[in-house]
Amino acid sequence: GQLVESGGGLVQPGGSLRLSCAASGFTFRWYVMSWYRQTPGKQRELVARMFSSYGRTEYADSVLGRFTISRDNAKNTVYLQMNSLKPEDTAVYYCKANRPLTSSNYWGQGTQVTVSS
C-alpha cells in the first residue's frame, strides 16, 4: 500500500490550508485514517484520526475547533482542513492508515506546513 500527501506550504498566521492524502494498494474503507505531525527533536504526535465506521473522529486538544478531518472512501482520500493556523502548527504532517486488530499500517512521506509572517 501507499499514501501520498499533498497540500502543504507556507501560510500566514490565521490562514488556512487543506492537506490531502491519497491511498492506493489496500482496501481504504477498512482502515482508520490519521494525521500526525512532527517537529525537529520531538516525537511524532497525533493530530486527528477518523474511523471508517460511523465517521467517528478524534482530535488533539491543541487543534480542536480549528482542524477538521474528513475522508472520501470513494476517492480513497483523507483530508485535513486546517483553519486559524498558528506558528506552533508548523511541522511536517504525515498521513497514516492502520487496520484495527491487525498489524497492517502505512505511512506517507510527509508534507511540510510552515506558518509564518
C-alpha atoms as a PDB file:
ATOM      1  CA  GLY A   1       0.000   0.000   0.000  1.00  0.00           C
ATOM      2  CA  GLN A   2       0.949   3.625  -0.472  1.00  0.00           C
ATOM      3  CA  LEU A   3      -0.049   7.015   0.930  1.00  0.00           C
ATOM      4  CA  VAL A   4       0.809  10.289  -0.795  1.00  0.00           C
ATOM      5  CA  GLU A   5       0.256  13.601   0.993  1.00  0.00           C
ATOM      6  CA  SER A   6      -0.142  16.963  -0.702  1.00  0.00           C
ATOM      7  CA  GLY A   7      -1.277  20.483   0.105  1.00  0.00           C
ATOM      8  CA  GLY A   8       1.433  21.668   2.460  1.00  0.00           C
ATOM      9  CA  GLY A   9       3.124  25.021   2.138  1.00  0.00           C
ATOM     10  CA  LEU A  10       3.756  28.420   3.675  1.00  0.00           C
ATOM     11  CA  VAL A  11       0.826  30.303   5.178  1.00  0.00           C
ATOM     12  CA  GLN A  12       0.462  33.368   7.387  1.00  0.00           C
ATOM     13  CA  PRO A  13      -0.872  33.090  10.922  1.00  0.00           C
ATOM     14  CA  GLY A  14      -4.645  32.962  10.873  1.00  0.00           C
ATOM     15  CA  GLY A  15      -4.681  31.419   7.430  1.00  0.00           C
ATOM     16  CA  SER A  16      -5.937  28.058   6.186  1.00  0.00           C
ATOM     17  CA  LEU A  17      -4.614  25.035   4.360  1.00  0.00           C
ATOM     18  CA  ARG A  18      -6.143  21.749   3.295  1.00  0.00           C
ATOM     19  CA  LEU A  19      -3.972  18.659   3.247  1.00  0.00           C
ATOM     20  CA  SER A  20      -4.878  15.624   1.173  1.00  0.00           C
ATOM     21  CA  CYS A  21      -3.683  12.048   1.446  1.00  0.00           C
ATOM     22  CA  ALA A  22      -4.352   9.698  -1.451  1.00  0.00           C
ATOM     23  CA  ALA A  23      -4.267   5.982  -0.700  1.00  0.00           C
ATOM     24  CA  SER A  24      -3.645   3.079  -3.034  1.00  0.00           C
ATOM     25  CA  GLY A  25      -2.866  -0.603  -2.854  1.00  0.00           C
ATOM     26  CA  PHE A  26      -5.149  -1.532   0.035  1.00  0.00           C
ATOM     27  CA  THR A  27      -8.854  -1.525   0.916  1.00  0.00           C
ATOM     28  CA  PHE A  28      -9.182   2.038   2.142  1.00  0.00           C
ATOM     29  CA  ARG A  29     -12.540   1.674   3.896  1.00  0.00           C
ATOM     30  CA  TRP A  30     -11.140  -0.977   6.238  1.00  0.00           C
ATOM     31  CA  TYR A  31      -8.572   1.411   7.657  1.00  0.00           C
ATOM     32  CA  VAL A  32      -8.572   4.066  10.341  1.00  0.00           C
ATOM     33  CA  MET A  33      -7.011   7.174   8.818  1.00  0.00           C
ATOM     34  CA  SER A  34      -4.951   9.578  10.891  1.00  0.00           C
ATOM     35  CA  TRP A  35      -2.872  12.714  10.587  1.00  0.00           C
ATOM     36  CA  TYR A  36       0.266  13.129  12.675  1.00  0.00           C
ATOM     37  CA  ARG A  37       2.824  15.907  12.810  1.00  0.00           C
ATOM     38  CA  GLN A  38       6.436  16.176  13.854  1.00  0.00           C
ATOM     39  CA  THR A  39       8.904  18.960  14.528  1.00  0.00           C
ATOM     40  CA  PRO A  40      12.678  18.540  14.829  1.00  0.00           C
ATOM     41  CA  GLY A  41      13.710  16.947  18.103  1.00  0.00           C
ATOM     42  CA  LYS A  42      10.179  15.994  19.086  1.00  0.00           C
ATOM     43  CA  GLN A  43       8.146  12.839  18.862  1.00  0.00           C
ATOM     44  CA  ARG A  44       5.536  12.465  16.196  1.00  0.00           C
ATOM     45  CA  GLU A  45       2.158  13.436  17.656  1.00  0.00           C
ATOM     46  CA  LEU A  46      -1.383  12.529  16.713  1.00  0.00           C
ATOM     47  CA  VAL A  47      -3.348  15.453  15.289  1.00  0.00           C
ATOM     48  CA  ALA A  48      -6.598  13.800  14.221  1.00  0.00           C
ATOM     49  CA  ARG A  49      -7.989  10.414  13.301  1.00  0.00           C
ATOM     50  CA  MET A  50     -11.134   9.204  11.635  1.00  0.00           C
ATOM     51  CA  PHE A  51     -12.716   5.801  11.870  1.00  0.00           C
ATOM     52  CA  SER A  52     -14.456   4.433   8.837  1.00  0.00           C
ATOM     53  CA  SER A  53     -17.485   3.137  10.700  1.00  0.00           C
ATOM     54  CA  TYR A  54     -19.948   5.906  11.630  1.00  0.00           C
ATOM     55  CA  GLY A  55     -17.325   8.565  10.834  1.00  0.00           C
ATOM     56  CA  ARG A  56     -16.175   8.938  14.422  1.00  0.00           C
ATOM     57  CA  THR A  57     -13.323  11.442  14.847  1.00  0.00           C
ATOM     58  CA  GLU A  58     -10.743  12.285  17.475  1.00  0.00           C
ATOM     59  CA  TYR A  59      -8.575  15.402  17.759  1.00  0.00           C
ATOM     60  CA  ALA A  60      -5.632  16.595  19.762  1.00  0.00           C
ATOM     61  CA  ASP A  61      -6.643  19.294  22.223  1.00  0.00           C
ATOM     62  CA  SER A  62      -4.293  21.750  20.518  1.00  0.00           C
ATOM     63  CA  VAL A  63      -6.227  21.626  17.226  1.00  0.00           C
ATOM     64  CA  LEU A  64      -9.781  21.037  18.444  1.00  0.00           C
ATOM     65  CA  GLY A  65     -12.143  23.539  16.851  1.00  0.00           C
ATOM     66  CA  ARG A  66      -9.593  24.607  14.235  1.00  0.00           C
ATOM     67  CA  PHE A  67      -8.831  21.425  12.278  1.00  0.00           C
ATOM     68  CA  THR A  68     -11.290  19.050  10.625  1.00  0.00           C
ATOM     69  CA  ILE A  69     -10.509  15.569   9.348  1.00  0.00           C
ATOM     70  CA  SER A  70     -12.679  14.017   6.665  1.00  0.00           C
ATOM     71  CA  ARG A  71     -12.479  11.102   4.276  1.00  0.00           C
ATOM     72  CA  ASP A  72     -13.932  10.143   0.932  1.00  0.00           C
ATOM     73  CA  ASN A  73     -13.992   6.356   0.690  1.00  0.00           C
ATOM     74  CA  ALA A  74     -14.988   6.544  -2.987  1.00  0.00           C
ATOM     75  CA  LYS A  75     -11.828   8.516  -3.750  1.00  0.00           C
ATOM     76  CA  ASN A  76      -9.585   6.672  -1.272  1.00  0.00           C
ATOM     77  CA  THR A  77      -8.582  10.030   0.159  1.00  0.00           C
ATOM     78  CA  VAL A  78      -8.427  11.601   3.597  1.00  0.00           C
ATOM     79  CA  TYR A  79      -8.268  15.353   4.170  1.00  0.00           C
ATOM     80  CA  LEU A  80      -7.214  17.689   6.932  1.00  0.00           C
ATOM     81  CA  GLN A  81      -8.747  21.158   6.798  1.00  0.00           C
ATOM     82  CA  MET A  82      -6.652  23.477   8.933  1.00  0.00           C
ATOM     83  CA  ASN A  83      -8.063  26.883   9.867  1.00  0.00           C
ATOM     84  CA  SER A  84      -6.841  29.653  12.152  1.00  0.00           C
ATOM     85  CA  LEU A  85      -3.310  28.388  11.788  1.00  0.00           C
ATOM     86  CA  LYS A  86      -0.717  29.336  14.367  1.00  0.00           C
ATOM     87  CA  PRO A  87       3.098  29.376  14.204  1.00  0.00           C
ATOM     88  CA  GLU A  88       3.121  26.403  16.582  1.00  0.00           C
ATOM     89  CA  ASP A  89       1.292  24.354  13.926  1.00  0.00           C
ATOM     90  CA  THR A  90       4.485  24.431  11.855  1.00  0.00           C
ATOM     91  CA  ALA A  91       5.583  20.825  11.318  1.00  0.00           C
ATOM     92  CA  VAL A  92       5.856  18.009   8.840  1.00  0.00           C
ATOM     93  CA  TYR A  93       2.417  16.429   8.595  1.00  0.00           C
ATOM     94  CA  TYR A  94       2.119  12.702   7.980  1.00  0.00           C
ATOM     95  CA  CYS A  95      -0.808  10.567   6.956  1.00  0.00           C
ATOM     96  CA  LYS A  96      -1.214   7.098   8.477  1.00  0.00           C
ATOM     97  CA  ALA A  97      -3.505   4.196   7.715  1.00  0.00           C
ATOM     98  CA  ASN A  98      -3.986   1.337  10.140  1.00  0.00           C
ATOM     99  CA  ARG A  99      -6.358  -1.582  10.095  1.00  0.00           C
ATOM    100  CA  PRO A 100      -7.812  -2.297  13.526  1.00  0.00           C
ATOM    101  CA  LEU A 101      -6.913  -5.597  15.209  1.00  0.00           C
ATOM    102  CA  THR A 102      -4.097  -6.213  12.713  1.00  0.00           C
ATOM    103  CA  SER A 103      -0.517  -5.107  12.318  1.00  0.00           C
ATOM    104  CA  SER A 104      -1.216  -3.629   8.906  1.00  0.00           C
ATOM    105  CA  ASN A 105      -0.318   0.035   8.686  1.00  0.00           C
ATOM    106  CA  TYR A 106       1.115   2.520   6.204  1.00  0.00           C
ATOM    107  CA  TRP A 107       2.725   5.953   6.463  1.00  0.00           C
ATOM    108  CA  GLY A 108       3.009   8.699   3.910  1.00  0.00           C
ATOM    109  CA  GLN A 109       6.219  10.578   3.176  1.00  0.00           C
ATOM    110  CA  GLY A 110       5.076  13.771   4.886  1.00  0.00           C
ATOM    111  CA  THR A 111       4.295  17.307   3.762  1.00  0.00           C
ATOM    112  CA  GLN A 112       5.752  20.474   5.284  1.00  0.00           C
ATOM    113  CA  VAL A 113       3.438  23.079   6.756  1.00  0.00           C
ATOM    114  CA  THR A 114       5.004  26.373   7.765  1.00  0.00           C
ATOM    115  CA  VAL A 115       3.000  29.088   9.499  1.00  0.00           C
ATOM    116  CA  SER A 116       4.912  32.349   9.495  1.00  0.00           C
ATOM    117  CA  SER A 117       4.502  36.011   8.669  1.00  0.00           C
END
